[in-house]
Amino acid sequence: PFTAFSHVDLPKVFGDRVPFDATEDYHEMAALTADRDAMIEVNTAGWR
């Protein structure tokens, strides 16, 4: 019963950016979120 999803790219937390082209993953994630009419969150903790 999720109504929103948080920190889509959490693995970068310690500074390790995704090492491959993740465009297709993001499109799949977005489509799944749209299909269930859930929200995505901009999480500001990454700046800290």
ModelCIF file with pLDDT and N, C-alpha, C, O atoms, coordinates in Angstrom:
data_MODEL
#
_entry.id   MODEL 
#
_entity.id                         1 
_entity.type                       polymer 
_entity.pdbx_number_of_molecules   1 
#
_entity_poly.entity_id                      1 
_entity_poly.type                           'polypeptide(L)' 
_entity_poly.nstd_linkage                   no 
_entity_poly.nstd_monomer                   no 
_entity_poly.pdbx_seq_one_letter_code       PFTAFSHVDLPKVFGDRVPFDATEDYHEMAALTADRDAMIEVNTAGWR 
_entity_poly.pdbx_seq_one_letter_code_can   PFTAFSHVDLPKVFGDRVPFDATEDYHEMAALTADRDAMIEVNTAGWR 
_entity_poly.pdbx_strand_id                 A 
#
loop_
_entity_poly_seq.entity_id 
_entity_poly_seq.num 
_entity_poly_seq.mon_id 
_entity_poly_seq.hetero 
1 1  PRO n 
1 2  PHE n 
1 3  THR n 
1 4  ALA n 
1 5  PHE n 
1 6  SER n 
1 7  HIS n 
1 8  VAL n 
1 9  ASP n 
1 10 LEU n 
1 11 PRO n 
1 12 LYS n 
1 13 VAL n 
1 14 PHE n 
1 15 GLY n 
1 16 ASP n 
1 17 ARG n 
1 18 VAL n 
1 19 PRO n 
1 20 PHE n 
1 21 ASP n 
1 22 ALA n 
1 23 THR n 
1 24 GLU n 
1 25 ASP n 
1 26 TYR n 
1 27 HIS n 
1 28 GLU n 
1 29 MET n 
1 30 ALA n 
1 31 ALA n 
1 32 LEU n 
1 33 THR n 
1 34 ALA n 
1 35 ASP n 
1 36 ARG n 
1 37 ASP n 
1 38 ALA n 
1 39 MET n 
1 40 ILE n 
1 41 GLU n 
1 42 VAL n 
1 43 ASN n 
1 44 THR n 
1 45 ALA n 
1 46 GLY n 
1 47 TRP n 
1 48 ARG n 
#
_struct_asym.id          A 
_struct_asym.entity_id   1 
#
loop_
_ma_qa_metric.id 
_ma_qa_metric.mode 
_ma_qa_metric.name 
_ma_qa_metric.software_group_id 
_ma_qa_metric.type 
1 global pLDDT . pLDDT 
2 local  pLDDT . pLDDT 
#
_ma_qa_metric_global.metric_id      1 
_ma_qa_metric_global.metric_value   97.31 
_ma_qa_metric_global.model_id       1 
_ma_qa_metric_global.ordinal_id     1 
#
loop_
_ma_qa_metric_local.label_asym_id 
_ma_qa_metric_local.label_comp_id 
_ma_qa_metric_local.label_seq_id 
_ma_qa_metric_local.metric_id 
_ma_qa_metric_local.metric_value 
_ma_qa_metric_local.model_id 
_ma_qa_metric_local.ordinal_id 
A PRO 1  2 97.00 1 1  
A PHE 2  2 98.00 1 2  
A THR 3  2 97.00 1 3  
A ALA 4  2 98.00 1 4  
A PHE 5  2 98.00 1 5  
A SER 6  2 95.00 1 6  
A HIS 7  2 93.00 1 7  
A VAL 8  2 94.00 1 8  
A ASP 9  2 97.00 1 9  
A LEU 10 2 98.00 1 10 
A PRO 11 2 98.00 1 11 
A LYS 12 2 98.00 1 12 
A VAL 13 2 97.00 1 13 
A PHE 14 2 96.00 1 14 
A GLY 15 2 95.00 1 15 
A ASP 16 2 95.00 1 16 
A ARG 17 2 96.00 1 17 
A VAL 18 2 97.00 1 18 
A PRO 19 2 97.00 1 19 
A PHE 20 2 97.00 1 20 
A ASP 21 2 98.00 1 21 
A ALA 22 2 98.00 1 22 
A THR 23 2 98.00 1 23 
A GLU 24 2 98.00 1 24 
A ASP 25 2 98.00 1 25 
A TYR 26 2 98.00 1 26 
A HIS 27 2 98.00 1 27 
A GLU 28 2 98.00 1 28 
A MET 29 2 98.00 1 29 
A ALA 30 2 98.00 1 30 
A ALA 31 2 98.00 1 31 
A LEU 32 2 98.00 1 32 
A THR 33 2 98.00 1 33 
A ALA 34 2 98.00 1 34 
A ASP 35 2 98.00 1 35 
A ARG 36 2 97.00 1 36 
A ASP 37 2 98.00 1 37 
A ALA 38 2 98.00 1 38 
A MET 39 2 98.00 1 39 
A ILE 40 2 98.00 1 40 
A GLU 41 2 98.00 1 41 
A VAL 42 2 98.00 1 42 
A ASN 43 2 98.00 1 43 
A THR 44 2 98.00 1 44 
A ALA 45 2 97.00 1 45 
A GLY 46 2 97.00 1 46 
A TRP 47 2 98.00 1 47 
A ARG 48 2 97.00 1 48 
#
loop_
_atom_site.group_PDB 
_atom_site.id 
_atom_site.type_symbol 
_atom_site.label_atom_id 
_atom_site.label_alt_id 
_atom_site.label_comp_id 
_atom_site.label_asym_id 
_atom_site.label_entity_id 
_atom_site.label_seq_id 
_atom_site.pdbx_PDB_ins_code 
_atom_site.Cartn_x 
_atom_site.Cartn_y 
_atom_site.Cartn_z 
_atom_site.occupancy 
_atom_site.B_iso_or_equiv 
_atom_site.pdbx_formal_charge 
_atom_site.auth_seq_id 
_atom_site.auth_comp_id 
_atom_site.auth_asym_id 
_atom_site.auth_atom_id 
_atom_site.pdbx_PDB_model_num 
ATOM 1   N N  . PRO A 1 1  ? 0.787  -1.241 0.000   1.00 97.00 ? 1  PRO A N  1 
ATOM 2   C CA . PRO A 1 1  ? 0.000  0.000  0.000   1.00 97.00 ? 1  PRO A CA 1 
ATOM 3   C C  . PRO A 1 1  ? 0.820  1.292  0.000   1.00 97.00 ? 1  PRO A C  1 
ATOM 4   O O  . PRO A 1 1  ? 0.579  2.177  0.821   1.00 97.00 ? 1  PRO A O  1 
ATOM 5   N N  . PHE A 1 2  ? 1.775  1.404  -0.906  1.00 98.00 ? 2  PHE A N  1 
ATOM 6   C CA . PHE A 1 2  ? 2.599  2.602  -0.969  1.00 98.00 ? 2  PHE A CA 1 
ATOM 7   C C  . PHE A 1 2  ? 1.855  3.740  -1.677  1.00 98.00 ? 2  PHE A C  1 
ATOM 8   O O  . PHE A 1 2  ? 1.212  3.522  -2.703  1.00 98.00 ? 2  PHE A O  1 
ATOM 9   N N  . THR A 1 3  ? 1.946  4.936  -1.130  1.00 97.00 ? 3  THR A N  1 
ATOM 10  C CA . THR A 1 3  ? 1.373  6.104  -1.789  1.00 97.00 ? 3  THR A CA 1 
ATOM 11  C C  . THR A 1 3  ? 2.444  6.992  -2.411  1.00 97.00 ? 3  THR A C  1 
ATOM 12  O O  . THR A 1 3  ? 2.136  7.860  -3.226  1.00 97.00 ? 3  THR A O  1 
ATOM 13  N N  . ALA A 1 4  ? 3.694  6.779  -2.031  1.00 98.00 ? 4  ALA A N  1 
ATOM 14  C CA . ALA A 1 4  ? 4.809  7.542  -2.600  1.00 98.00 ? 4  ALA A CA 1 
ATOM 15  C C  . ALA A 1 4  ? 6.081  6.722  -2.447  1.00 98.00 ? 4  ALA A C  1 
ATOM 16  O O  . ALA A 1 4  ? 6.145  5.790  -1.644  1.00 98.00 ? 4  ALA A O  1 
ATOM 17  N N  . PHE A 1 5  ? 7.092  7.085  -3.231  1.00 98.00 ? 5  PHE A N  1 
ATOM 18  C CA . PHE A 1 5  ? 8.382  6.404  -3.148  1.00 98.00 ? 5  PHE A CA 1 
ATOM 19  C C  . PHE A 1 5  ? 9.489  7.422  -2.887  1.00 98.00 ? 5  PHE A C  1 
ATOM 20  O O  . PHE A 1 5  ? 9.482  8.532  -3.418  1.00 98.00 ? 5  PHE A O  1 
ATOM 21  N N  . SER A 1 6  ? 10.439 7.006  -2.052  1.00 95.00 ? 6  SER A N  1 
ATOM 22  C CA . SER A 1 6  ? 11.513 7.902  -1.635  1.00 95.00 ? 6  SER A CA 1 
ATOM 23  C C  . SER A 1 6  ? 12.863 7.497  -2.242  1.00 95.00 ? 6  SER A C  1 
ATOM 24  O O  . SER A 1 6  ? 13.048 6.384  -2.734  1.00 95.00 ? 6  SER A O  1 
ATOM 25  N N  . HIS A 1 7  ? 13.792 8.455  -2.183  1.00 93.00 ? 7  HIS A N  1 
ATOM 26  C CA . HIS A 1 7  ? 15.192 8.318  -2.633  1.00 93.00 ? 7  HIS A CA 1 
ATOM 27  C C  . HIS A 1 7  ? 15.406 7.226  -3.696  1.00 93.00 ? 7  HIS A C  1 
ATOM 28  O O  . HIS A 1 7  ? 15.928 6.146  -3.421  1.00 93.00 ? 7  HIS A O  1 
ATOM 29  N N  . VAL A 1 8  ? 14.977 7.562  -4.918  1.00 94.00 ? 8  VAL A N  1 
ATOM 30  C CA . VAL A 1 8  ? 15.058 6.655  -6.064  1.00 94.00 ? 8  VAL A CA 1 
ATOM 31  C C  . VAL A 1 8  ? 16.477 6.140  -6.301  1.00 94.00 ? 8  VAL A C  1 
ATOM 32  O O  . VAL A 1 8  ? 16.659 4.990  -6.699  1.00 94.00 ? 8  VAL A O  1 
ATOM 33  N N  . ASP A 1 9  ? 17.479 6.982  -6.059  1.00 97.00 ? 9  ASP A N  1 
ATOM 34  C CA . ASP A 1 9  ? 18.867 6.598  -6.340  1.00 97.00 ? 9  ASP A CA 1 
ATOM 35  C C  . ASP A 1 9  ? 19.707 6.623  -5.060  1.00 97.00 ? 9  ASP A C  1 
ATOM 36  O O  . ASP A 1 9  ? 20.785 7.215  -5.026  1.00 97.00 ? 9  ASP A O  1 
ATOM 37  N N  . LEU A 1 10 ? 19.209 5.986  -4.036  1.00 98.00 ? 10 LEU A N  1 
ATOM 38  C CA . LEU A 1 10 ? 19.874 5.960  -2.729  1.00 98.00 ? 10 LEU A CA 1 
ATOM 39  C C  . LEU A 1 10 ? 21.323 5.467  -2.761  1.00 98.00 ? 10 LEU A C  1 
ATOM 40  O O  . LEU A 1 10 ? 22.120 5.957  -1.961  1.00 98.00 ? 10 LEU A O  1 
ATOM 41  N N  . PRO A 1 11 ? 21.719 4.526  -3.636  1.00 98.00 ? 11 PRO A N  1 
ATOM 42  C CA . PRO A 1 11 ? 23.104 4.048  -3.580  1.00 98.00 ? 11 PRO A CA 1 
ATOM 43  C C  . PRO A 1 11 ? 24.179 5.116  -3.760  1.00 98.00 ? 11 PRO A C  1 
ATOM 44  O O  . PRO A 1 11 ? 25.352 4.855  -3.494  1.00 98.00 ? 11 PRO A O  1 
ATOM 45  N N  . LYS A 1 12 ? 23.797 6.320  -4.208  1.00 98.00 ? 12 LYS A N  1 
ATOM 46  C CA . LYS A 1 12 ? 24.814 7.371  -4.340  1.00 98.00 ? 12 LYS A CA 1 
ATOM 47  C C  . LYS A 1 12 ? 25.113 8.041  -2.994  1.00 98.00 ? 12 LYS A C  1 
ATOM 48  O O  . LYS A 1 12 ? 25.902 8.985  -2.939  1.00 98.00 ? 12 LYS A O  1 
ATOM 49  N N  . VAL A 1 13 ? 24.490 7.562  -1.905  1.00 97.00 ? 13 VAL A N  1 
ATOM 50  C CA . VAL A 1 13 ? 24.569 8.210  -0.602  1.00 97.00 ? 13 VAL A CA 1 
ATOM 51  C C  . VAL A 1 13 ? 25.999 8.506  -0.167  1.00 97.00 ? 13 VAL A C  1 
ATOM 52  O O  . VAL A 1 13 ? 26.262 9.562  0.409   1.00 97.00 ? 13 VAL A O  1 
ATOM 53  N N  . PHE A 1 14 ? 26.936 7.582  -0.437  1.00 96.00 ? 14 PHE A N  1 
ATOM 54  C CA . PHE A 1 14 ? 28.330 7.787  -0.026  1.00 96.00 ? 14 PHE A CA 1 
ATOM 55  C C  . PHE A 1 14 ? 29.188 8.361  -1.153  1.00 96.00 ? 14 PHE A C  1 
ATOM 56  O O  . PHE A 1 14 ? 30.411 8.435  -1.032  1.00 96.00 ? 14 PHE A O  1 
ATOM 57  N N  . GLY A 1 15 ? 28.546 8.765  -2.241  1.00 95.00 ? 15 GLY A N  1 
ATOM 58  C CA . GLY A 1 15 ? 29.267 9.424  -3.328  1.00 95.00 ? 15 GLY A CA 1 
ATOM 59  C C  . GLY A 1 15 ? 29.490 8.578  -4.564  1.00 95.00 ? 15 GLY A C  1 
ATOM 60  O O  . GLY A 1 15 ? 30.034 9.078  -5.548  1.00 95.00 ? 15 GLY A O  1 
ATOM 61  N N  . ASP A 1 16 ? 29.087 7.309  -4.552  1.00 95.00 ? 16 ASP A N  1 
ATOM 62  C CA . ASP A 1 16 ? 29.290 6.425  -5.701  1.00 95.00 ? 16 ASP A CA 1 
ATOM 63  C C  . ASP A 1 16 ? 28.138 6.572  -6.691  1.00 95.00 ? 16 ASP A C  1 
ATOM 64  O O  . ASP A 1 16 ? 27.068 5.998  -6.489  1.00 95.00 ? 16 ASP A O  1 
ATOM 65  N N  . ARG A 1 17 ? 28.354 7.340  -7.762  1.00 96.00 ? 17 ARG A N  1 
ATOM 66  C CA . ARG A 1 17 ? 27.328 7.523  -8.774  1.00 96.00 ? 17 ARG A CA 1 
ATOM 67  C C  . ARG A 1 17 ? 27.137 6.232  -9.568  1.00 96.00 ? 17 ARG A C  1 
ATOM 68  O O  . ARG A 1 17 ? 28.026 5.383  -9.621  1.00 96.00 ? 17 ARG A O  1 
ATOM 69  N N  . VAL A 1 18 ? 25.980 6.103  -10.173 1.00 97.00 ? 18 VAL A N  1 
ATOM 70  C CA . VAL A 1 18 ? 25.685 4.905  -10.966 1.00 97.00 ? 18 VAL A CA 1 
ATOM 71  C C  . VAL A 1 18 ? 26.712 4.796  -12.092 1.00 97.00 ? 18 VAL A C  1 
ATOM 72  O O  . VAL A 1 18 ? 26.898 5.757  -12.839 1.00 97.00 ? 18 VAL A O  1 
ATOM 73  N N  . PRO A 1 19 ? 27.386 3.645  -12.233 1.00 97.00 ? 19 PRO A N  1 
ATOM 74  C CA . PRO A 1 19 ? 28.509 3.517  -13.166 1.00 97.00 ? 19 PRO A CA 1 
ATOM 75  C C  . PRO A 1 19 ? 28.101 3.072  -14.569 1.00 97.00 ? 19 PRO A C  1 
ATOM 76  O O  . PRO A 1 19 ? 28.963 2.740  -15.383 1.00 97.00 ? 19 PRO A O  1 
ATOM 77  N N  . PHE A 1 20 ? 26.804 3.061  -14.862 1.00 97.00 ? 20 PHE A N  1 
ATOM 78  C CA . PHE A 1 20 ? 26.337 2.658  -16.186 1.00 97.00 ? 20 PHE A CA 1 
ATOM 79  C C  . PHE A 1 20 ? 25.161 3.543  -16.571 1.00 97.00 ? 20 PHE A C  1 
ATOM 80  O O  . PHE A 1 20 ? 24.642 4.288  -15.741 1.00 97.00 ? 20 PHE A O  1 
ATOM 81  N N  . ASP A 1 21 ? 24.749 3.463  -17.810 1.00 98.00 ? 21 ASP A N  1 
ATOM 82  C CA . ASP A 1 21 ? 23.617 4.253  -18.280 1.00 98.00 ? 21 ASP A CA 1 
ATOM 83  C C  . ASP A 1 21 ? 22.331 3.677  -17.668 1.00 98.00 ? 21 ASP A C  1 
ATOM 84  O O  . ASP A 1 21 ? 21.919 2.566  -18.001 1.00 98.00 ? 21 ASP A O  1 
ATOM 85  N N  . ALA A 1 22 ? 21.714 4.439  -16.785 1.00 98.00 ? 22 ALA A N  1 
ATOM 86  C CA . ALA A 1 22 ? 20.536 3.962  -16.064 1.00 98.00 ? 22 ALA A CA 1 
ATOM 87  C C  . ALA A 1 22 ? 19.234 4.492  -16.662 1.00 98.00 ? 22 ALA A C  1 
ATOM 88  O O  . ALA A 1 22 ? 18.175 4.376  -16.045 1.00 98.00 ? 22 ALA A O  1 
ATOM 89  N N  . THR A 1 23 ? 19.308 5.070  -17.857 1.00 98.00 ? 23 THR A N  1 
ATOM 90  C CA . THR A 1 23 ? 18.124 5.681  -18.446 1.00 98.00 ? 23 THR A CA 1 
ATOM 91  C C  . THR A 1 23 ? 16.966 4.697  -18.546 1.00 98.00 ? 23 THR A C  1 
ATOM 92  O O  . THR A 1 23 ? 15.834 5.030  -18.197 1.00 98.00 ? 23 THR A O  1 
ATOM 93  N N  . GLU A 1 24 ? 17.243 3.492  -19.019 1.00 98.00 ? 24 GLU A N  1 
ATOM 94  C CA . GLU A 1 24 ? 16.177 2.493  -19.166 1.00 98.00 ? 24 GLU A CA 1 
ATOM 95  C C  . GLU A 1 24 ? 15.586 2.125  -17.814 1.00 98.00 ? 24 GLU A C  1 
ATOM 96  O O  . GLU A 1 24 ? 14.373 1.952  -17.691 1.00 98.00 ? 24 GLU A O  1 
ATOM 97  N N  . ASP A 1 25 ? 16.437 2.006  -16.798 1.00 98.00 ? 25 ASP A N  1 
ATOM 98  C CA . ASP A 1 25 ? 15.934 1.714  -15.446 1.00 98.00 ? 25 ASP A CA 1 
ATOM 99  C C  . ASP A 1 25 ? 15.005 2.818  -14.966 1.00 98.00 ? 25 ASP A C  1 
ATOM 100 O O  . ASP A 1 25 ? 13.937 2.537  -14.422 1.00 98.00 ? 25 ASP A O  1 
ATOM 101 N N  . TYR A 1 26 ? 15.401 4.069  -15.161 1.00 98.00 ? 26 TYR A N  1 
ATOM 102 C CA . TYR A 1 26 ? 14.567 5.182  -14.718 1.00 98.00 ? 26 TYR A CA 1 
ATOM 103 C C  . TYR A 1 26 ? 13.223 5.192  -15.439 1.00 98.00 ? 26 TYR A C  1 
ATOM 104 O O  . TYR A 1 26 ? 12.192 5.478  -14.831 1.00 98.00 ? 26 TYR A O  1 
ATOM 105 N N  . HIS A 1 27 ? 13.233 4.884  -16.725 1.00 98.00 ? 27 HIS A N  1 
ATOM 106 C CA . HIS A 1 27 ? 11.975 4.833  -17.475 1.00 98.00 ? 27 HIS A CA 1 
ATOM 107 C C  . HIS A 1 27 ? 11.065 3.721  -16.929 1.00 98.00 ? 27 HIS A C  1 
ATOM 108 O O  . HIS A 1 27 ? 9.858  3.916  -16.788 1.00 98.00 ? 27 HIS A O  1 
ATOM 109 N N  . GLU A 1 28 ? 11.646 2.570  -16.628 1.00 98.00 ? 28 GLU A N  1 
ATOM 110 C CA . GLU A 1 28 ? 10.847 1.468  -16.083 1.00 98.00 ? 28 GLU A CA 1 
ATOM 111 C C  . GLU A 1 28 ? 10.292 1.829  -14.709 1.00 98.00 ? 28 GLU A C  1 
ATOM 112 O O  . GLU A 1 28 ? 9.135  1.542  -14.404 1.00 98.00 ? 28 GLU A O  1 
ATOM 113 N N  . MET A 1 29 ? 11.117 2.455  -13.889 1.00 98.00 ? 29 MET A N  1 
ATOM 114 C CA . MET A 1 29 ? 10.687 2.853  -12.547 1.00 98.00 ? 29 MET A CA 1 
ATOM 115 C C  . MET A 1 29 ? 9.570  3.895  -12.620 1.00 98.00 ? 29 MET A C  1 
ATOM 116 O O  . MET A 1 29 ? 8.601  3.841  -11.863 1.00 98.00 ? 29 MET A O  1 
ATOM 117 N N  . ALA A 1 30 ? 9.722  4.828  -13.531 1.00 98.00 ? 30 ALA A N  1 
ATOM 118 C CA . ALA A 1 30 ? 8.700  5.865  -13.697 1.00 98.00 ? 30 ALA A CA 1 
ATOM 119 C C  . ALA A 1 30 ? 7.395  5.270  -14.184 1.00 98.00 ? 30 ALA A C  1 
ATOM 120 O O  . ALA A 1 30 ? 6.324  5.650  -13.711 1.00 98.00 ? 30 ALA A O  1 
ATOM 121 N N  . ALA A 1 31 ? 7.473  4.335  -15.130 1.00 98.00 ? 31 ALA A N  1 
ATOM 122 C CA . ALA A 1 31 ? 6.261  3.713  -15.661 1.00 98.00 ? 31 ALA A CA 1 
ATOM 123 C C  . ALA A 1 31 ? 5.527  2.929  -14.579 1.00 98.00 ? 31 ALA A C  1 
ATOM 124 O O  . ALA A 1 31 ? 4.300  2.983  -14.496 1.00 98.00 ? 31 ALA A O  1 
ATOM 125 N N  . LEU A 1 32 ? 6.273  2.203  -13.753 1.00 98.00 ? 32 LEU A N  1 
ATOM 126 C CA . LEU A 1 32 ? 5.654  1.438  -12.669 1.00 98.00 ? 32 LEU A CA 1 
ATOM 127 C C  . LEU A 1 32 ? 4.988  2.363  -11.654 1.00 98.00 ? 32 LEU A C  1 
ATOM 128 O O  . LEU A 1 32 ? 3.909  2.063  -11.143 1.00 98.00 ? 32 LEU A O  1 
ATOM 129 N N  . THR A 1 33 ? 5.634  3.477  -11.368 1.00 98.00 ? 33 THR A N  1 
ATOM 130 C CA . THR A 1 33 ? 5.068  4.438  -10.424 1.00 98.00 ? 33 THR A CA 1 
ATOM 131 C C  . THR A 1 33 ? 3.807  5.076  -10.983 1.00 98.00 ? 33 THR A C  1 
ATOM 132 O O  . THR A 1 33 ? 2.820  5.251  -10.268 1.00 98.00 ? 33 THR A O  1 
ATOM 133 N N  . ALA A 1 34 ? 3.844  5.424  -12.269 1.00 98.00 ? 34 ALA A N  1 
ATOM 134 C CA . ALA A 1 34 ? 2.674  6.018  -12.910 1.00 98.00 ? 34 ALA A CA 1 
ATOM 135 C C  . ALA A 1 34 ? 1.510  5.032  -12.950 1.00 98.00 ? 34 ALA A C  1 
ATOM 136 O O  . ALA A 1 34 ? 0.359  5.415  -12.742 1.00 98.00 ? 34 ALA A O  1 
ATOM 137 N N  . ASP A 1 35 ? 1.811  3.763  -13.217 1.00 98.00 ? 35 ASP A N  1 
ATOM 138 C CA . ASP A 1 35 ? 0.757  2.752  -13.328 1.00 98.00 ? 35 ASP A CA 1 
ATOM 139 C C  . ASP A 1 35 ? -0.042 2.621  -12.038 1.00 98.00 ? 35 ASP A C  1 
ATOM 140 O O  . ASP A 1 35 ? -1.241 2.345  -12.079 1.00 98.00 ? 35 ASP A O  1 
ATOM 141 N N  . ARG A 1 36 ? 0.604  2.816  -10.902 1.00 97.00 ? 36 ARG A N  1 
ATOM 142 C CA . ARG A 1 36 ? -0.091 2.661  -9.621  1.00 97.00 ? 36 ARG A CA 1 
ATOM 143 C C  . ARG A 1 36 ? -0.528 4.010  -9.046  1.00 97.00 ? 36 ARG A C  1 
ATOM 144 O O  . ARG A 1 36 ? -1.052 4.076  -7.934  1.00 97.00 ? 36 ARG A O  1 
ATOM 145 N N  . ASP A 1 37 ? -0.310 5.087  -9.812  1.00 98.00 ? 37 ASP A N  1 
ATOM 146 C CA . ASP A 1 37 ? -0.677 6.443  -9.404  1.00 98.00 ? 37 ASP A CA 1 
ATOM 147 C C  . ASP A 1 37 ? -0.069 6.810  -8.061  1.00 98.00 ? 37 ASP A C  1 
ATOM 148 O O  . ASP A 1 37 ? -0.715 7.444  -7.227  1.00 98.00 ? 37 ASP A O  1 
ATOM 149 N N  . ALA A 1 38 ? 1.176  6.407  -7.859  1.00 98.00 ? 38 ALA A N  1 
ATOM 150 C CA . ALA A 1 38 ? 1.915  6.801  -6.664  1.00 98.00 ? 38 ALA A CA 1 
ATOM 151 C C  . ALA A 1 38 ? 2.715  8.071  -6.960  1.00 98.00 ? 38 ALA A C  1 
ATOM 152 O O  . ALA A 1 38 ? 2.918  8.437  -8.118  1.00 98.00 ? 38 ALA A O  1 
ATOM 153 N N  . MET A 1 39 ? 3.155  8.722  -5.911  1.00 98.00 ? 39 MET A N  1 
ATOM 154 C CA . MET A 1 39 ? 3.989  9.911  -6.053  1.00 98.00 ? 39 MET A CA 1 
ATOM 155 C C  . MET A 1 39 ? 5.463  9.534  -5.945  1.00 98.00 ? 39 MET A C  1 
ATOM 156 O O  . MET A 1 39 ? 5.819  8.512  -5.358  1.00 98.00 ? 39 MET A O  1 
ATOM 157 N N  . ILE A 1 40 ? 6.297  10.369 -6.515  1.00 98.00 ? 40 ILE A N  1 
ATOM 158 C CA . ILE A 1 40 ? 7.734  10.273 -6.294  1.00 98.00 ? 40 ILE A CA 1 
ATOM 159 C C  . ILE A 1 40 ? 8.109  11.438 -5.371  1.00 98.00 ? 40 ILE A C  1 
ATOM 160 O O  . ILE A 1 40 ? 7.419  12.457 -5.333  1.00 98.00 ? 40 ILE A O  1 
ATOM 161 N N  . GLU A 1 41 ? 9.175  11.282 -4.654  1.00 98.00 ? 41 GLU A N  1 
ATOM 162 C CA . GLU A 1 41 ? 9.594  12.311 -3.712  1.00 98.00 ? 41 GLU A CA 1 
ATOM 163 C C  . GLU A 1 41 ? 10.939 12.893 -4.118  1.00 98.00 ? 41 GLU A C  1 
ATOM 164 O O  . GLU A 1 41 ? 11.863 12.159 -4.467  1.00 98.00 ? 41 GLU A O  1 
ATOM 165 N N  . VAL A 1 42 ? 11.043 14.215 -4.072  1.00 98.00 ? 42 VAL A N  1 
ATOM 166 C CA . VAL A 1 42 ? 12.367 14.845 -4.061  1.00 98.00 ? 42 VAL A CA 1 
ATOM 167 C C  . VAL A 1 42 ? 12.796 14.888 -2.607  1.00 98.00 ? 42 VAL A C  1 
ATOM 168 O O  . VAL A 1 42 ? 12.171 15.545 -1.774  1.00 98.00 ? 42 VAL A O  1 
ATOM 169 N N  . ASN A 1 43 ? 13.869 14.178 -2.322  1.00 98.00 ? 43 ASN A N  1 
ATOM 170 C CA . ASN A 1 43 ? 14.366 14.042 -0.961  1.00 98.00 ? 43 ASN A CA 1 
ATOM 171 C C  . ASN A 1 43 ? 15.607 14.918 -0.821  1.00 98.00 ? 43 ASN A C  1 
ATOM 172 O O  . ASN A 1 43 ? 16.600 14.720 -1.521  1.00 98.00 ? 43 ASN A O  1 
ATOM 173 N N  . THR A 1 44 ? 15.543 15.884 0.087   1.00 98.00 ? 44 THR A N  1 
ATOM 174 C CA . THR A 1 44 ? 16.632 16.860 0.186   1.00 98.00 ? 44 THR A CA 1 
ATOM 175 C C  . THR A 1 44 ? 17.809 16.381 1.029   1.00 98.00 ? 44 THR A C  1 
ATOM 176 O O  . THR A 1 44 ? 18.825 17.071 1.114   1.00 98.00 ? 44 THR A O  1 
ATOM 177 N N  . ALA A 1 45 ? 17.688 15.208 1.654   1.00 97.00 ? 45 ALA A N  1 
ATOM 178 C CA . ALA A 1 45 ? 18.765 14.723 2.531   1.00 97.00 ? 45 ALA A CA 1 
ATOM 179 C C  . ALA A 1 45 ? 20.064 14.487 1.776   1.00 97.00 ? 45 ALA A C  1 
ATOM 180 O O  . ALA A 1 45 ? 21.143 14.541 2.365   1.00 97.00 ? 45 ALA A O  1 
ATOM 181 N N  . GLY A 1 46 ? 19.970 14.225 0.472   1.00 97.00 ? 46 GLY A N  1 
ATOM 182 C CA . GLY A 1 46 ? 21.187 13.994 -0.306  1.00 97.00 ? 46 GLY A CA 1 
ATOM 183 C C  . GLY A 1 46 ? 22.145 15.161 -0.278  1.00 97.00 ? 46 GLY A C  1 
ATOM 184 O O  . GLY A 1 46 ? 23.356 14.973 -0.398  1.00 97.00 ? 46 GLY A O  1 
ATOM 185 N N  . TRP A 1 47 ? 21.621 16.367 -0.119  1.00 98.00 ? 47 TRP A N  1 
ATOM 186 C CA . TRP A 1 47 ? 22.483 17.549 -0.009  1.00 98.00 ? 47 TRP A CA 1 
ATOM 187 C C  . TRP A 1 47 ? 23.243 17.564 1.305   1.00 98.00 ? 47 TRP A C  1 
ATOM 188 O O  . TRP A 1 47 ? 24.241 18.273 1.435   1.00 98.00 ? 47 TRP A O  1 
ATOM 189 N N  . ARG A 1 48 ? 22.788 16.797 2.271   1.00 97.00 ? 48 ARG A N  1 
ATOM 190 C CA . ARG A 1 48 ? 23.455 16.734 3.575   1.00 97.00 ? 48 ARG A CA 1 
ATOM 191 C C  . ARG A 1 48 ? 24.314 15.477 3.716   1.00 97.00 ? 48 ARG A C  1 
ATOM 192 O O  . ARG A 1 48 ? 24.943 15.272 4.754   1.00 97.00 ? 48 ARG A O  1 
#
